[in-house]
Amino acid sequence: MIPVIALIGRPNVGKSTLFNVLTKSRDAIVANEPGLTRDRQYGVGHWKERKFIVVDTGGLSGEKQDLDDLMAKQTLLALEEADEVLFMVDAQDGLTSGDRVIADLVRKSGKSCLLIINKVDGISPEQAQADFFALGFSQYRAISSAHRKGINPMLDELLEAYPENQSEIAENNGPSIAVIGRPNVGKSTLINRLAGEERVVAFDQPGTTRDTIAVPFERHGKPYTLIDTAGVRKRGKVHEKIEKFSVIKALEAIEKAHVVVLVIDARDGLTDQDLTLLGYAVNSGRALVIAINKWDGLEIEQRDYNRKTLQRRLSFVNFAAQHYISALHGTGVGEMMASVDQAYASAFKEFNTRFLTDLLEEAVFKHNPPMHNRRRIKLRYAHQGGKNPPIIVIHGNKTEHLPDAYKRYLMSFFIEKLKLKGTPVRIELKSGDNPYASKAKRSKPARQGDNKAKNSVKRKHF
């Protein structure tokens, strides 16, 4: 289980700052579709081999007349989604009436709550805590999110009840496939097509209404596991209806999966919400296949236009195969599964260091790294640093100054030369220190002295 942590509190108490600290470099998802919050942000954090999902909410004023507005409603939805609540207050402001109102809301939710007293810089922790004893919370932490003080002990306490994240899918269950997409794009129809007509074994593992469901099945004698975000329905009960969209479900499914299948409605084209999900799948590094569903319902002219538009707008994920399918009739589903197999194989390929270093030399020969302070950035050798996605670790000098454009060139070059299909490549750069730098600094005065001595000898000689 991946715990979901919601950040709750008044505006400007430091929720967004703490969110950025907890998620580090992982970009947040902003759900901005009708019926979803504009103010909730979602991200994934890591701490001591544990993963957790963080939900940042809009600030609640705490004024009772404002509790019915959109921001308040979406904050309450975040409370419903959460396993743990971080109720944040501002030590600089002290206890306010708004804090009391929000504390009542958190208490009524029945969720496990940790009171976070933020911005304790320049204030003794005892004084900061004393101001908020009146709220009646037994668990609290004094931190400074801006200066990253007290964060680690807070995470230790928060995640103590959750074991280290184990692999959700057993190795012998084959590739795990997360089917994600907006409501009413045909996810359930596709899942039932895969796990229904062509299955040998399929069953539902119990979960809560928010949890994803693992559905083992076989196709042509090969085992797979579907990570279902919509719930597996019997074939006779599959109806095209608006389902409740949950970002949490999508995030959990992506984190559990080896390959992500993003389902897009061919009639709607690529929407902002599709791009939101696609962005998270790409940032997670998962292998990716894009399924454009309901293709059989389009006229020929509309197909040509939609195909060109989708290819143009999806050019930033050109490593992912695109399949135009009909989940209802099964058209194109077999070709899509072939791409899933190919993406899974590419994501777990292994490469030796000599081979990767030769490719790096070829890439540098074709396109040299740029100059920095009139000195060339040098890339010396490469090795594999991980799988799913393949990670290429490149060592050199001044690699921290390598521009993003050159990193993208390297990613494209390695994807092409390694013949990877359906998976991104991550480039990690490491700069080595010059082992002779300290010696050079120590010997420099001596050399200057030697030169002066030599000059004096020369002058005396002449």
Foldseek 3Di string as FASTA:
>chain_A
DAFEEEEAAAPPLCQVLLVCVFQPPWDWFADDDPVADRAWTWHWGDDPLGIHIYIYAYGDNLDPVPCPDRRNVNSLVSLVVGQEYEYGDELVVFDDNSSLSVLVSNVVSVHHYEYEHEDCVPHDPVSSVVSCVVSVDPHYFYAYSVVGGRPNVVVCVVCVVPDRDDQPDDVQQPFEEEEDEAALLCSQLLVCLVCPPQFDDWDWDDDDLQEWTWIWTDHPRGIYIYGYRQDHDDPVPDDRDGDDDDPSSLVNSLVNGQEYEYEAALVVAQDPVSVSSVVNSVSVQHFYAYEHEPLVVDDPVSNVVSVVVNCVVCVVPVLYYYFYAYSNVGRRSVVRVVLVVQQSCQQPDADAFVVQFVLVVVLCVVPNFDDDPNHGWDWHTWHWDDGSHTEIEIETAPPVPGDPVVQVVVFVSCCVVVVGHRTGYHYHYDYDDDPCPVVCVVCVVVVVVVVVVVVVVVVVVD
